[in-house]
């Protein structure tokens, strides 16, 4: 019965819980970083089409995601 261990309710619900915690931590980190920057990230990226800032924010998001995934794992 290898490979079906994730179908057990405890494993499945644990995975869902950790995924929700990971998304919440990521969102909170992004909001904090958005607040401490001297300008509005969303307006700069969406309205002004600042591609360099979008690339920096994307790298930041990947970094935060890797840290959250490693902490949960």
PDB file of N, CA and C in Angstrom:
ATOM      1  N   UNK A   1       0.816  -1.193   0.000  1.00  0.00           N
ATOM      2  CA  UNK A   1       0.000   0.000   0.000  1.00  0.00           C
ATOM      3  C   UNK A   1       0.860   1.257   0.000  1.00  0.00           C
ATOM      4  N   UNK A   2       1.922   1.239  -0.792  1.00  0.00           N
ATOM      5  CA  UNK A   2       2.767   2.422  -0.886  1.00  0.00           C
ATOM      6  C   UNK A   2       2.123   3.444  -1.794  1.00  0.00           C
ATOM      7  N   UNK A   3       2.244   4.706  -1.447  1.00  0.00           N
ATOM      8  CA  UNK A   3       1.752   5.776  -2.298  1.00  0.00           C
ATOM      9  C   UNK A   3       0.336   6.230  -2.006  1.00  0.00           C
ATOM     10  N   UNK A   4      -0.396   5.543  -1.157  1.00  0.00           N
ATOM     11  CA  UNK A   4      -1.759   5.974  -0.839  1.00  0.00           C
ATOM     12  C   UNK A   4      -1.859   6.496   0.593  1.00  0.00           C
ATOM     13  N   UNK A   5      -0.713   6.689   1.220  1.00  0.00           N
ATOM     14  CA  UNK A   5      -0.727   7.183   2.593  1.00  0.00           C
ATOM     15  C   UNK A   5      -1.314   8.582   2.691  1.00  0.00           C
ATOM     16  N   UNK A   6      -1.173   9.372   1.645  1.00  0.00           N
ATOM     17  CA  UNK A   6      -1.702  10.738   1.659  1.00  0.00           C
ATOM     18  C   UNK A   6      -3.222  10.763   1.586  1.00  0.00           C
ATOM     19  N   UNK A   7      -3.854   9.624   1.279  1.00  0.00           N
ATOM     20  CA  UNK A   7      -5.313   9.570   1.217  1.00  0.00           C
ATOM     21  C   UNK A   7      -5.958   9.446   2.594  1.00  0.00           C
ATOM     22  N   UNK A   8      -5.165   9.120   3.593  1.00  0.00           N
ATOM     23  CA  UNK A   8      -5.733   9.032   4.937  1.00  0.00           C
ATOM     24  C   UNK A   8      -6.192  10.411   5.381  1.00  0.00           C
ATOM     25  N   UNK A   9      -7.315  10.495   6.084  1.00  0.00           N
ATOM     26  CA  UNK A   9      -7.856  11.814   6.465  1.00  0.00           C
ATOM     27  C   UNK A   9      -6.879  12.666   7.269  1.00  0.00           C
ATOM     28  N   UNK A  10      -6.126  12.081   8.178  1.00  0.00           N
ATOM     29  CA  UNK A  10      -5.202  12.869   8.991  1.00  0.00           C
ATOM     30  C   UNK A  10      -4.108  13.477   8.120  1.00  0.00           C
ATOM     31  N   UNK A  11      -3.569  12.722   7.194  1.00  0.00           N
ATOM     32  CA  UNK A  11      -2.521  13.235   6.308  1.00  0.00           C
ATOM     33  C   UNK A  11      -3.075  14.302   5.372  1.00  0.00           C
ATOM     34  N   UNK A  12      -4.245  14.049   4.835  1.00  0.00           N
ATOM     35  CA  UNK A  12      -4.846  14.999   3.899  1.00  0.00           C
ATOM     36  C   UNK A  12      -5.179  16.317   4.591  1.00  0.00           C
ATOM     37  N   UNK A  13      -5.801  16.259   5.749  1.00  0.00           N
ATOM     38  CA  UNK A  13      -6.154  17.480   6.479  1.00  0.00           C
ATOM     39  C   UNK A  13      -4.909  18.216   6.981  1.00  0.00           C
ATOM     40  N   UNK A  14      -3.882  17.462   7.360  1.00  0.00           N
ATOM     41  CA  UNK A  14      -2.626  18.093   7.761  1.00  0.00           C
ATOM     42  C   UNK A  14      -1.992  18.853   6.607  1.00  0.00           C
ATOM     43  N   UNK A  15      -2.038  18.261   5.416  1.00  0.00           N
ATOM     44  CA  UNK A  15      -1.494  18.936   4.237  1.00  0.00           C
ATOM     45  C   UNK A  15      -2.267  20.209   3.919  1.00  0.00           C
ATOM     46  N   UNK A  16      -3.575  20.153   4.010  1.00  0.00           N
ATOM     47  CA  UNK A  16      -4.401  21.338   3.763  1.00  0.00           C
ATOM     48  C   UNK A  16      -4.099  22.420   4.795  1.00  0.00           C
ATOM     49  N   UNK A  17      -3.964  22.030   6.055  1.00  0.00           N
ATOM     50  CA  UNK A  17      -3.669  22.988   7.123  1.00  0.00           C
ATOM     51  C   UNK A  17      -2.319  23.664   6.892  1.00  0.00           C
ATOM     52  N   UNK A  18      -1.297  22.881   6.568  1.00  0.00           N
ATOM     53  CA  UNK A  18       0.025  23.460   6.316  1.00  0.00           C
ATOM     54  C   UNK A  18       0.016  24.357   5.087  1.00  0.00           C
ATOM     55  N   UNK A  19      -0.742  23.994   4.068  1.00  0.00           N
ATOM     56  CA  UNK A  19      -0.842  24.844   2.875  1.00  0.00           C
ATOM     57  C   UNK A  19      -1.483  26.185   3.229  1.00  0.00           C
ATOM     58  N   UNK A  20      -2.539  26.165   4.023  1.00  0.00           N
ATOM     59  CA  UNK A  20      -3.201  27.408   4.432  1.00  0.00           C
ATOM     60  C   UNK A  20      -2.292  28.267   5.303  1.00  0.00           C
ATOM     61  N   UNK A  21      -1.545  27.627   6.200  1.00  0.00           N
ATOM     62  CA  UNK A  21      -0.605  28.368   7.037  1.00  0.00           C
ATOM     63  C   UNK A  21       0.488  28.984   6.169  1.00  0.00           C
ATOM     64  N   UNK A  22       0.981  28.235   5.192  1.00  0.00           N
ATOM     65  CA  UNK A  22       2.010  28.748   4.296  1.00  0.00           C
ATOM     66  C   UNK A  22       1.533  29.941   3.493  1.00  0.00           C
ATOM     67  N   UNK A  23       0.316  29.876   2.979  1.00  0.00           N
ATOM     68  CA  UNK A  23      -0.240  30.998   2.214  1.00  0.00           C
ATOM     69  C   UNK A  23      -0.434  32.208   3.117  1.00  0.00           C
ATOM     70  N   UNK A  24      -0.896  31.991   4.337  1.00  0.00           N
ATOM     71  CA  UNK A  24      -1.102  33.104   5.267  1.00  0.00           C
ATOM     72  C   UNK A  24       0.227  33.775   5.634  1.00  0.00           C
ATOM     73  N   UNK A  25       1.256  32.977   5.884  1.00  0.00           N
ATOM     74  CA  UNK A  25       2.565  33.542   6.219  1.00  0.00           C
ATOM     75  C   UNK A  25       3.128  34.299   5.020  1.00  0.00           C
ATOM     76  N   UNK A  26       2.973  33.734   3.823  1.00  0.00           N
ATOM     77  CA  UNK A  26       3.449  34.420   2.616  1.00  0.00           C
ATOM     78  C   UNK A  26       2.720  35.744   2.428  1.00  0.00           C
ATOM     79  N   UNK A  27       1.420  35.751   2.555  1.00  0.00           N
ATOM     80  CA  UNK A  27       0.626  36.972   2.380  1.00  0.00           C
ATOM     81  C   UNK A  27       1.022  38.030   3.416  1.00  0.00           C
ATOM     82  N   UNK A  28       1.173  37.603   4.659  1.00  0.00           N
ATOM     83  CA  UNK A  28       1.564  38.534   5.717  1.00  0.00           C
ATOM     84  C   UNK A  28       2.952  39.119   5.441  1.00  0.00           C
ATOM     85  N   UNK A  29       3.876  38.299   4.987  1.00  0.00           N
ATOM     86  CA  UNK A  29       5.215  38.785   4.654  1.00  0.00           C
ATOM     87  C   UNK A  29       5.159  39.802   3.517  1.00  0.00           C
ATOM     88  N   UNK A  30       4.360  39.521   2.513  1.00  0.00           N
ATOM     89  CA  UNK A  30       4.253  40.447   1.387  1.00  0.00           C
ATOM     90  C   UNK A  30       3.642  41.778   1.828  1.00  0.00           C
ATOM     91  N   UNK A  31       2.631  41.733   2.664  1.00  0.00           N
ATOM     92  CA  UNK A  31       1.994  42.966   3.147  1.00  0.00           C
ATOM     93  C   UNK A  31       2.983  43.782   3.974  1.00  0.00           C
ATOM     94  N   UNK A  32       3.770  43.128   4.811  1.00  0.00           N
ATOM     95  CA  UNK A  32       4.754  43.840   5.628  1.00  0.00           C
ATOM     96  C   UNK A  32       5.804  44.488   4.732  1.00  0.00           C
ATOM     97  N   UNK A  33       6.289  43.766   3.753  1.00  0.00           N
ATOM     98  CA  UNK A  33       7.288  44.330   2.848  1.00  0.00           C
ATOM     99  C   UNK A  33       6.689  45.472   2.035  1.00  0.00           C
ATOM    100  N   UNK A  34       5.441  45.340   1.627  1.00  0.00           N
ATOM    101  CA  UNK A  34       4.773  46.418   0.896  1.00  0.00           C
ATOM    102  C   UNK A  34       4.657  47.673   1.761  1.00  0.00           C
ATOM    103  N   UNK A  35       4.398  47.497   3.050  1.00  0.00           N
ATOM    104  CA  UNK A  35       4.242  48.652   3.949  1.00  0.00           C
ATOM    105  C   UNK A  35       5.577  49.339   4.234  1.00  0.00           C
ATOM    106  N   UNK A  36       6.687  48.600   4.272  1.00  0.00           N
ATOM    107  CA  UNK A  36       7.960  49.227   4.624  1.00  0.00           C
ATOM    108  C   UNK A  36       8.680  49.822   3.412  1.00  0.00           C
ATOM    109  N   UNK A  37       8.199  49.558   2.214  1.00  0.00           N
ATOM    110  CA  UNK A  37       8.801  50.187   1.038  1.00  0.00           C
ATOM    111  C   UNK A  37       8.268  51.616   0.917  1.00  0.00           C
ATOM    112  N   UNK A  38       9.066  52.510   0.336  1.00  0.00           N
ATOM    113  CA  UNK A  38       8.653  53.921   0.296  1.00  0.00           C
ATOM    114  C   UNK A  38       7.560  54.236  -0.730  1.00  0.00           C
ATOM    115  N   UNK A  39       7.135  53.277  -1.526  1.00  0.00           N
ATOM    116  CA  UNK A  39       6.095  53.527  -2.528  1.00  0.00           C
ATOM    117  C   UNK A  39       5.144  52.340  -2.577  1.00  0.00           C
ATOM    118  N   UNK A  40       4.039  52.513  -3.252  1.00  0.00           N
ATOM    119  CA  UNK A  40       3.026  51.473  -3.357  1.00  0.00           C
ATOM    120  C   UNK A  40       3.431  50.482  -4.446  1.00  0.00           C
ATOM    121  N   UNK A  41       3.767  49.264  -4.064  1.00  0.00           N
ATOM    122  CA  UNK A  41       4.242  48.269  -5.027  1.00  0.00           C
ATOM    123  C   UNK A  41       3.199  47.965  -6.093  1.00  0.00           C
ATOM    124  N   UNK A  42       1.965  47.788  -5.671  1.00  0.00           N
ATOM    125  CA  UNK A  42       0.910  47.401  -6.613  1.00  0.00           C
ATOM    126  C   UNK A  42       0.709  48.471  -7.685  1.00  0.00           C
ATOM    127  N   UNK A  43       0.662  49.732  -7.271  1.00  0.00           N
ATOM    128  CA  UNK A  43       0.449  50.824  -8.231  1.00  0.00           C
ATOM    129  C   UNK A  43       1.647  50.953  -9.175  1.00  0.00           C
ATOM    130  N   UNK A  44       2.850  50.798  -8.638  1.00  0.00           N
ATOM    131  CA  UNK A  44       4.053  50.888  -9.473  1.00  0.00           C
ATOM    132  C   UNK A  44       4.069  49.793 -10.542  1.00  0.00           C
ATOM    133  N   UNK A  45       3.694  48.586 -10.141  1.00  0.00           N
ATOM    134  CA  UNK A  45       3.768  47.460 -11.076  1.00  0.00           C
ATOM    135  C   UNK A  45       2.609  47.477 -12.066  1.00  0.00           C
ATOM    136  N   UNK A  46       1.403  47.705 -11.596  1.00  0.00           N
ATOM    137  CA  UNK A  46       0.219  47.608 -12.455  1.00  0.00           C
ATOM    138  C   UNK A  46       0.002  48.876 -13.276  1.00  0.00           C
ATOM    139  N   UNK A  47      -0.031  50.018 -12.628  1.00  0.00           N
ATOM    140  CA  UNK A  47      -0.367  51.251 -13.351  1.00  0.00           C
ATOM    141  C   UNK A  47       0.813  51.818 -14.142  1.00  0.00           C
ATOM    142  N   UNK A  48       1.989  51.803 -13.539  1.00  0.00           N
ATOM    143  CA  UNK A  48       3.150  52.402 -14.199  1.00  0.00           C
ATOM    144  C   UNK A  48       3.957  51.398 -15.014  1.00  0.00           C
ATOM    145  N   UNK A  49       3.563  50.120 -14.961  1.00  0.00           N
ATOM    146  CA  UNK A  49       4.216  49.052 -15.734  1.00  0.00           C
ATOM    147  C   UNK A  49       5.727  48.992 -15.472  1.00  0.00           C
ATOM    148  N   UNK A  50       6.117  49.084 -14.230  1.00  0.00           N
ATOM    149  CA  UNK A  50       7.523  49.043 -13.849  1.00  0.00           C
ATOM    150  C   UNK A  50       7.997  47.590 -13.852  1.00  0.00           C
ATOM    151  N   UNK A  51       8.626  47.176 -14.952  1.00  0.00           N
ATOM    152  CA  UNK A  51       9.025  45.773 -15.118  1.00  0.00           C
ATOM    153  C   UNK A  51      10.197  45.395 -14.222  1.00  0.00           C
ATOM    154  N   UNK A  52      11.099  46.336 -13.973  1.00  0.00           N
ATOM    155  CA  UNK A  52      12.227  46.046 -13.095  1.00  0.00           C
ATOM    156  C   UNK A  52      11.744  45.770 -11.668  1.00  0.00           C
ATOM    157  N   UNK A  53      10.821  46.571 -11.195  1.00  0.00           N
ATOM    158  CA  UNK A  53      10.265  46.358  -9.863  1.00  0.00           C
ATOM    159  C   UNK A  53       9.478  45.051  -9.813  1.00  0.00           C
ATOM    160  N   UNK A  54       8.768  44.741 -10.874  1.00  0.00           N
ATOM    161  CA  UNK A  54       8.020  43.479 -10.929  1.00  0.00           C
ATOM    162  C   UNK A  54       8.962  42.288 -10.819  1.00  0.00           C
ATOM    163  N   UNK A  55      10.118  42.369 -11.456  1.00  0.00           N
ATOM    164  CA  UNK A  55      11.097  41.288 -11.384  1.00  0.00           C
ATOM    165  C   UNK A  55      11.658  41.151  -9.974  1.00  0.00           C
ATOM    166  N   UNK A  56      11.926  42.275  -9.322  1.00  0.00           N
ATOM    167  CA  UNK A  56      12.421  42.239  -7.938  1.00  0.00           C
ATOM    168  C   UNK A  56      11.366  41.660  -7.002  1.00  0.00           C
ATOM    169  N   UNK A  57      10.121  42.060  -7.179  1.00  0.00           N
ATOM    170  CA  UNK A  57       9.039  41.539  -6.332  1.00  0.00           C
ATOM    171  C   UNK A  57       8.827  40.049  -6.589  1.00  0.00           C
ATOM    172  N   UNK A  58       8.947  39.617  -7.835  1.00  0.00           N
ATOM    173  CA  UNK A  58       8.817  38.190  -8.146  1.00  0.00           C
ATOM    174  C   UNK A  58       9.921  37.386  -7.465  1.00  0.00           C
ATOM    175  N   UNK A  59      11.153  37.892  -7.503  1.00  0.00           N
ATOM    176  CA  UNK A  59      12.257  37.206  -6.826  1.00  0.00           C
ATOM    177  C   UNK A  59      12.025  37.168  -5.319  1.00  0.00           C
ATOM    178  N   UNK A  60      11.507  38.266  -4.769  1.00  0.00           N
ATOM    179  CA  UNK A  60      11.204  38.312  -3.345  1.00  0.00           C
ATOM    180  C   UNK A  60      10.126  37.276  -2.994  1.00  0.00           C
ATOM    181  N   UNK A  61       9.104  37.175  -3.832  1.00  0.00           N
ATOM    182  CA  UNK A  61       8.029  36.205  -3.587  1.00  0.00           C
ATOM    183  C   UNK A  61       8.558  34.772  -3.629  1.00  0.00           C
ATOM    184  N   UNK A  62       9.416  34.485  -4.590  1.00  0.00           N
ATOM    185  CA  UNK A  62      10.014  33.146  -4.653  1.00  0.00           C
ATOM    186  C   UNK A  62      10.856  32.864  -3.419  1.00  0.00           C
ATOM    187  N   UNK A  63      11.629  33.846  -2.982  1.00  0.00           N
ATOM    188  CA  UNK A  63      12.442  33.664  -1.782  1.00  0.00           C
ATOM    189  C   UNK A  63      11.602  33.409  -0.546  1.00  0.00           C
ATOM    190  N   UNK A  64      10.562  34.197  -0.368  1.00  0.00           N
ATOM    191  CA  UNK A  64       9.671  33.999   0.785  1.00  0.00           C
ATOM    192  C   UNK A  64       9.005  32.626   0.698  1.00  0.00           C
ATOM    193  N   UNK A  65       8.586  32.233  -0.490  1.00  0.00           N
ATOM    194  CA  UNK A  65       7.930  30.934  -0.664  1.00  0.00           C
ATOM    195  C   UNK A  65       8.865  29.783  -0.314  1.00  0.00           C
ATOM    196  N   UNK A  66      10.124  29.882  -0.725  1.00  0.00           N
ATOM    197  CA  UNK A  66      11.097  28.826  -0.414  1.00  0.00           C
ATOM    198  C   UNK A  66      11.335  28.756   1.089  1.00  0.00           C
ATOM    199  N   UNK A  67      11.438  29.902   1.747  1.00  0.00           N
ATOM    200  CA  UNK A  67      11.649  29.920   3.201  1.00  0.00           C
ATOM    201  C   UNK A  67      10.443  29.324   3.923  1.00  0.00           C
ATOM    202  N   UNK A  68       9.232  29.686   3.520  1.00  0.00           N
ATOM    203  CA  UNK A  68       8.022  29.162   4.155  1.00  0.00           C
ATOM    204  C   UNK A  68       7.921  27.653   3.936  1.00  0.00           C
ATOM    205  N   UNK A  69       8.209  27.200   2.699  1.00  0.00           N
ATOM    206  CA  UNK A  69       8.136  25.766   2.406  1.00  0.00           C
ATOM    207  C   UNK A  69       9.168  24.985   3.224  1.00  0.00           C
ATOM    208  N   UNK A  70      10.375  25.532   3.362  1.00  0.00           N
ATOM    209  CA  UNK A  70      11.407  24.845   4.153  1.00  0.00           C
ATOM    210  C   UNK A  70      11.022  24.808   5.627  1.00  0.00           C
ATOM    211  N   UNK A  71      10.425  25.881   6.120  1.00  0.00           N
ATOM    212  CA  UNK A  71      10.011  25.906   7.530  1.00  0.00           C
ATOM    213  C   UNK A  71       8.890  24.919   7.806  1.00  0.00           C
ATOM    214  N   UNK A  72       7.979  24.766   6.869  1.00  0.00           N
ATOM    215  CA  UNK A  72       6.871  23.838   7.056  1.00  0.00           C
ATOM    216  C   UNK A  72       7.327  22.394   6.878  1.00  0.00           C
ATOM    217  N   UNK A  73       8.224  22.183   5.946  1.00  0.00           N
ATOM    218  CA  UNK A  73       8.703  20.829   5.671  1.00  0.00           C
ATOM    219  C   UNK A  73       9.486  20.304   6.846  1.00  0.00           C
TER     220      UNK A  73
END
